């Protein structure tokens, strides 16, 4: 039987893998809750898709503008994507994270738009890296990776549920029940993470992509980023030299969580008690996959 520590590590790995997020809609928002048709929701990327699907259940049809394996930071919606935004009953985005998506939403002007940057409380900043050097003109930009913090993700879930009830009041009771179930899962995940990360010998998390700031802040860890917020940033010689030093302290090689494109529940591995690897060699995969060194074994 897995030990509590192994179960907690499985939950940690699952959270990083899963949360590490556009078809055209049909029908007007006013009739979505009364005609028996599903509510057409377009979301900007996978974590928003996951939350919306959990809240909406069988009452929603969710389309993701960022297809599996695509790079969310640099997403450029197609003209067909923008046309789909016009017909969607609800559009869910993170304002400022994907400028081209923001522009598409302004052009399409859908009737119902939920920008979750408010409930997500995007209060962390970062220093972007371009060509291996600090991008001076972008210092202080906001970190959008709220979904790696279960508490922030729960808050966003509440906002999505509230908007779903406004768009489709006929199924409000179902949306409230689904919200309660999702928030129970996220609360349990938060508890597992707190317990499992409470007594780490080393608090550094080494990652090539600065996507883990909110998670690190929530659980008292220190993110050691090799590049900036974009997974395609160039690594400077100084930061590259610093990475082996940090990894050497922890005794672990980098592993490869994928918060962008993995289509998995943040609690699935936890439920199945799949043991997390103690350390692993970086695997080949999507260029969006950040690499982080585990520090607790």
Protein backbone atom coordinates (compact mmCIF):
# COMPACT_ATOMS: atom_id res chain seq x y z
CA UNK A 1 0.00 0.00 0.00
CA UNK A 2 1.49 3.42 -0.92
CA UNK A 3 2.79 5.49 1.95
CA UNK A 4 1.19 8.90 2.67
CA UNK A 5 4.37 10.58 1.40
CA UNK A 6 4.21 8.73 -1.94
CA UNK A 7 0.53 9.58 -2.26
CA UNK A 8 1.27 13.25 -1.62
CA UNK A 9 4.05 13.23 -4.18
CA UNK A 10 1.65 11.69 -6.66
CA UNK A 11 -0.79 14.52 -6.00
CA UNK A 12 1.99 17.07 -6.46
CA UNK A 13 3.05 15.59 -9.77
CA UNK A 14 -0.55 15.34 -10.95
CA UNK A 15 -1.17 19.00 -10.18
CA UNK A 16 1.85 20.09 -12.22
CA UNK A 17 1.02 17.77 -15.10
CA UNK A 18 -2.61 18.69 -15.41
CA UNK A 19 -2.59 22.37 -14.76
CA UNK A 20 0.32 23.21 -16.13
CA UNK A 21 -5.05 25.35 -20.79
CA UNK A 22 -12.37 26.97 -31.02
CA UNK A 23 -15.16 25.67 -32.46
CA UNK A 24 -18.00 27.96 -33.54
CA UNK A 25 -20.96 28.18 -31.16
CA UNK A 26 -24.58 28.06 -32.18
CA UNK A 27 -27.53 29.76 -30.60
CA UNK A 28 -27.92 32.88 -28.49
CA UNK A 29 -27.12 33.05 -24.80
CA UNK A 30 -30.67 33.97 -23.87
CA UNK A 31 -32.03 30.69 -25.26
CA UNK A 32 -29.19 28.44 -24.08
CA UNK A 33 -30.88 27.62 -20.79
CA UNK A 34 -34.40 27.16 -22.15
CA UNK A 35 -34.10 25.44 -25.52
CA UNK A 36 -32.51 22.24 -24.27
CA UNK A 37 -29.33 22.92 -26.24
CA UNK A 38 -25.93 22.91 -24.59
CA UNK A 39 -24.25 26.21 -23.79
CA UNK A 40 -21.40 26.90 -26.22
CA UNK A 41 -18.34 28.07 -24.29
CA UNK A 42 -15.01 29.05 -25.84
CA UNK A 43 -12.01 29.21 -23.55
CA UNK A 44 -8.51 30.55 -24.10
CA UNK A 45 -6.45 27.55 -22.91
CA UNK A 46 -6.62 24.23 -21.08
CA UNK A 47 -6.93 25.06 -17.36
CA UNK A 48 -9.97 27.18 -18.22
CA UNK A 49 -11.33 24.30 -20.31
CA UNK A 50 -10.92 21.90 -17.39
CA UNK A 51 -12.71 24.18 -14.93
CA UNK A 52 -15.52 25.02 -17.36
CA UNK A 53 -16.12 21.38 -18.22
CA UNK A 54 -16.19 20.39 -14.55
CA UNK A 55 -18.68 23.17 -13.77
CA UNK A 56 -20.85 22.77 -16.86
CA UNK A 57 -20.92 18.99 -17.10
CA UNK A 58 -23.36 17.79 -19.74
CA UNK A 59 -24.92 21.24 -20.11
CA UNK A 60 -21.94 22.80 -21.91
CA UNK A 61 -19.96 22.31 -25.10
CA UNK A 62 -16.44 23.64 -24.46
CA UNK A 63 -14.07 24.68 -27.26
CA UNK A 64 -10.42 25.48 -26.52
CA UNK A 65 -8.64 28.08 -28.67
CA UNK A 66 -5.26 26.56 -27.72
CA UNK A 67 -5.11 23.10 -29.26
CA UNK A 68 -3.09 20.28 -27.59
CA UNK A 69 0.64 20.82 -28.10
CA UNK A 70 0.24 24.48 -29.11
CA UNK A 71 2.06 27.30 -27.33
CA UNK A 72 -0.49 29.41 -25.39
CA UNK A 73 1.82 32.40 -24.87
CA UNK A 74 2.07 33.09 -28.61
CA UNK A 75 -1.39 31.94 -29.73
CA UNK A 76 -2.75 33.68 -32.84
CA UNK A 77 -6.46 32.89 -33.34
CA UNK A 78 -7.49 32.20 -36.91
CA UNK A 79 -10.28 34.16 -38.62
CA UNK A 80 -12.50 31.12 -38.05
CA UNK A 81 -11.64 31.21 -34.35
CA UNK A 82 -12.66 34.87 -34.15
CA UNK A 83 -15.90 34.15 -36.00
CA UNK A 84 -16.62 31.41 -33.47
CA UNK A 85 -16.17 33.89 -30.62
CA UNK A 86 -19.01 35.94 -32.09
CA UNK A 87 -21.42 33.02 -31.82
CA UNK A 88 -20.28 31.62 -28.47
CA UNK A 89 -22.67 31.85 -25.54
CA UNK A 90 -19.74 32.50 -23.20
CA UNK A 91 -16.03 33.24 -23.65
CA UNK A 92 -13.57 32.69 -20.78
CA UNK A 93 -10.11 34.30 -20.92
CA UNK A 94 -7.25 35.67 -18.84
CA UNK A 95 -6.90 39.28 -19.97
CA UNK A 96 -3.36 40.34 -20.81
CA UNK A 97 -1.97 36.82 -21.07
CA UNK A 98 -2.71 36.26 -24.76
CA UNK A 99 -2.86 39.66 -26.53
CA UNK A 100 -4.09 38.17 -29.81
CA UNK A 101 -6.97 36.47 -28.00
CA UNK A 102 -7.83 39.75 -26.28
CA UNK A 103 -7.89 41.47 -29.68
CA UNK A 104 -10.08 38.72 -31.13
CA UNK A 105 -12.57 39.08 -28.27
CA UNK A 106 -12.74 42.84 -28.82
CA UNK A 107 -13.38 42.28 -32.52
CA UNK A 108 -16.00 39.58 -32.05
CA UNK A 109 -17.73 41.33 -29.12
CA UNK A 110 -19.51 38.23 -27.75
CA UNK A 111 -22.39 38.95 -25.41
CA UNK A 112 -20.90 37.19 -22.39
CA UNK A 113 -17.17 37.36 -21.58
CA UNK A 114 -15.55 36.28 -18.33
CA UNK A 115 -12.02 37.60 -17.71
CA UNK A 116 -10.75 35.60 -14.73
CA UNK A 117 -7.71 37.74 -13.89
CA UNK A 118 -9.71 39.37 -11.09
CA UNK A 119 -10.72 36.23 -9.15
CA UNK A 120 -7.32 34.70 -9.93
CA UNK A 121 -5.61 37.61 -8.09
CA UNK A 122 -2.65 37.90 -10.45
CA UNK A 123 -0.41 39.75 -8.02
CA UNK A 124 2.96 38.22 -8.90
CA UNK A 125 5.34 39.83 -11.38
CA UNK A 126 8.22 38.40 -13.38
CA UNK A 127 11.21 39.53 -15.42
CA UNK A 128 10.99 38.25 -19.01
CA UNK A 129 14.14 36.94 -20.69
CA UNK A 130 14.86 37.66 -24.37
CA UNK A 131 17.93 36.29 -26.14
CA UNK A 132 19.36 35.30 -22.79
CA UNK A 133 19.10 38.79 -21.29
CA UNK A 134 16.59 40.64 -19.14
CA UNK A 135 13.88 42.39 -21.19
CA UNK A 136 14.13 45.78 -19.53
CA UNK A 137 10.94 47.17 -21.10
CA UNK A 138 8.82 44.31 -19.72
CA UNK A 139 10.02 44.10 -16.14
CA UNK A 140 7.14 43.93 -13.70
CA UNK A 141 4.80 42.08 -16.08
CA UNK A 142 2.18 39.94 -14.34
CA UNK A 143 2.59 36.18 -13.95
CA UNK A 144 -0.56 34.49 -15.38
CA UNK A 145 0.04 30.92 -14.12
CA UNK A 146 -2.60 30.99 -11.37
CA UNK A 147 -3.88 27.46 -12.10
CA UNK A 148 -0.85 25.84 -10.42
CA UNK A 149 -2.20 27.14 -7.11
CA UNK A 150 -5.30 25.10 -6.13
CA UNK A 151 -6.62 27.94 -3.96
CA UNK A 152 -6.56 30.43 -6.83
CA UNK A 153 -8.02 27.84 -9.18
CA UNK A 154 -10.90 27.29 -6.74
CA UNK A 155 -11.62 31.02 -6.74
CA UNK A 156 -11.67 31.08 -10.54
CA UNK A 157 -14.02 28.07 -10.48
CA UNK A 158 -16.46 30.10 -8.40
CA UNK A 159 -16.40 32.90 -10.96
CA UNK A 160 -17.00 30.46 -13.83
CA UNK A 161 -19.94 28.89 -11.98
CA UNK A 162 -21.49 32.28 -11.26
CA UNK A 163 -21.22 33.28 -14.92
CA UNK A 164 -22.65 29.95 -16.07
CA UNK A 165 -25.70 30.52 -13.87
CA UNK A 166 -26.24 33.95 -15.41
CA UNK A 167 -26.00 32.60 -18.95
CA UNK A 168 -28.06 29.47 -18.28
CA UNK A 169 -30.22 29.95 -15.17
CA UNK A 170 -32.29 26.85 -15.93
CA UNK A 171 -29.38 24.65 -14.82
CA UNK A 172 -28.11 26.83 -11.97
CA UNK A 173 -28.59 24.09 -9.36
CA UNK A 174 -26.41 21.70 -11.36
CA UNK A 175 -23.70 24.32 -11.76
CA UNK A 176 -23.68 24.95 -8.01
CA UNK A 177 -23.44 21.23 -7.26
CA UNK A 178 -20.61 20.76 -9.76
CA UNK A 179 -18.78 23.74 -8.27
CA UNK A 180 -19.03 22.24 -4.80
CA UNK A 181 -17.56 18.93 -6.04
CA UNK A 182 -14.69 20.64 -7.84
CA UNK A 183 -13.85 22.84 -4.88
CA UNK A 184 -13.81 19.78 -2.60
CA UNK A 185 -11.26 18.18 -4.91
CA UNK A 186 -9.13 21.31 -4.98
CA UNK A 187 -9.30 21.69 -1.19
CA UNK A 188 -8.15 18.09 -0.78
CA UNK A 189 -5.31 18.68 -3.23
CA UNK A 190 -4.27 21.80 -1.34
CA UNK A 191 -4.20 19.81 1.89
CA UNK A 192 -2.07 17.07 0.34
CA UNK A 193 0.38 19.60 -1.05
CA UNK A 194 0.67 21.41 2.27
CA UNK A 195 1.33 18.18 4.14
CA UNK A 196 3.74 16.76 1.60
CA UNK A 197 5.78 19.93 1.15
CA UNK A 198 5.86 20.99 4.81
CA UNK A 199 9.21 19.40 5.71
CA UNK A 200 11.38 19.65 2.61
CA UNK A 201 15.10 19.61 3.28
CA UNK A 202 15.55 22.04 0.38
CA UNK A 203 12.93 24.63 -0.62
CA UNK A 204 14.25 25.40 -4.14
CA UNK A 205 12.30 24.37 -7.25
CA UNK A 206 14.54 24.61 -10.33
CA UNK A 207 12.61 25.12 -13.57
CA UNK A 208 13.48 26.22 -17.09
CA UNK A 209 10.18 28.11 -17.37
CA UNK A 210 9.01 30.44 -14.58
CA UNK A 211 5.53 28.95 -14.40
CA UNK A 212 5.52 27.87 -10.76
CA UNK A 213 5.60 31.14 -8.84
CA UNK A 214 2.10 30.90 -7.40
CA UNK A 215 2.59 27.29 -6.37
CA UNK A 216 5.94 28.12 -4.78
CA UNK A 217 4.47 31.10 -2.94
CA UNK A 218 1.53 29.08 -1.63
CA UNK A 219 3.69 26.30 -0.17
CA UNK A 220 6.78 28.19 0.96
CA UNK A 221 9.08 27.16 -1.88
CA UNK A 222 11.55 29.22 -3.91
CA UNK A 223 11.32 29.10 -7.69
CA UNK A 224 14.72 29.14 -9.42
CA UNK A 225 13.95 29.98 -13.05
CA UNK A 226 16.42 29.45 -15.88
CA UNK A 227 14.45 31.48 -18.45
CA UNK A 228 11.62 33.95 -18.07
CA UNK A 229 7.89 33.39 -18.17
CA UNK A 230 7.90 32.10 -21.75
CA UNK A 231 8.97 28.46 -22.23
CA UNK A 232 10.78 29.50 -25.43
CA UNK A 233 13.04 32.05 -23.73
CA UNK A 234 16.77 31.79 -24.32
CA UNK A 235 18.97 30.67 -21.42
CA UNK A 236 21.78 33.02 -20.47
CA UNK A 237 25.22 31.59 -19.66
CA UNK A 238 25.01 32.86 -16.08
CA UNK A 239 21.62 31.31 -15.38
CA UNK A 240 22.65 28.08 -17.11
CA UNK A 241 25.66 27.80 -14.82
CA UNK A 242 23.43 28.40 -11.78
CA UNK A 243 21.09 25.52 -12.61
CA UNK A 244 23.52 22.62 -12.01
CA UNK A 245 24.47 24.21 -8.68
CA UNK A 246 20.88 24.30 -7.50
CA UNK A 247 20.15 20.80 -8.79
CA UNK A 248 23.31 19.54 -7.18
CA UNK A 249 22.09 20.68 -3.77
CA UNK A 250 18.87 18.73 -4.14
CA UNK A 251 20.43 15.66 -5.74
CA UNK A 252 17.75 15.54 -8.44
CA UNK A 253 17.85 15.90 -12.18
CA UNK A 254 15.13 18.00 -13.84
CA UNK A 255 11.80 16.39 -14.55
CA UNK A 256 9.25 17.53 -17.11
CA UNK A 257 5.76 18.52 -15.88
CA UNK A 258 3.39 19.81 -18.56
CA UNK A 259 0.84 22.25 -17.19
CA UNK A 260 -0.18 23.43 -20.68
CA UNK A 261 -1.29 20.52 -22.80
CA UNK A 262 -1.85 17.46 -20.59
CA UNK A 263 -5.52 16.54 -20.74
CA UNK A 264 -5.84 15.16 -17.20
CA UNK A 265 -7.70 15.91 -14.01
CA UNK A 266 -5.60 17.44 -11.21
CA UNK A 267 -6.88 14.70 -8.91
CA UNK A 268 -6.72 11.68 -11.21
CA UNK A 269 -3.26 10.46 -10.22
CA UNK A 270 -4.11 11.18 -6.60
CA UNK A 271 -7.18 8.99 -6.77
CA UNK A 272 -5.31 6.14 -8.45
CA UNK A 273 -2.34 6.54 -6.08
CA UNK A 274 0.13 6.41 -8.96
CA UNK A 275 3.58 6.84 -7.39
CA UNK A 276 5.47 9.91 -8.54
CA UNK A 277 9.07 9.46 -9.75
CA UNK A 278 11.69 10.60 -7.28
CA UNK A 279 13.87 12.01 -10.06
CA UNK A 280 13.85 11.58 -13.80
CA UNK A 281 15.75 12.56 -16.91
CA UNK A 282 14.11 15.25 -19.07
CA UNK A 283 11.85 13.59 -21.62
CA UNK A 284 11.19 14.63 -25.18
CA UNK A 285 7.84 16.25 -25.73
CA UNK A 286 6.05 19.50 -26.43
CA UNK A 287 8.26 22.61 -26.52
CA UNK A 288 5.81 24.12 -24.06
CA UNK A 289 6.81 21.66 -21.33
CA UNK A 290 8.65 23.43 -18.47
CA UNK A 291 11.29 21.45 -16.63
CA UNK A 292 11.37 21.53 -12.87
CA UNK A 293 13.63 19.76 -10.38
CA UNK A 294 11.84 17.99 -7.56
CA UNK A 295 13.26 18.87 -4.16
CA UNK A 296 11.34 16.59 -1.79
CA UNK A 297 11.80 12.84 -1.88
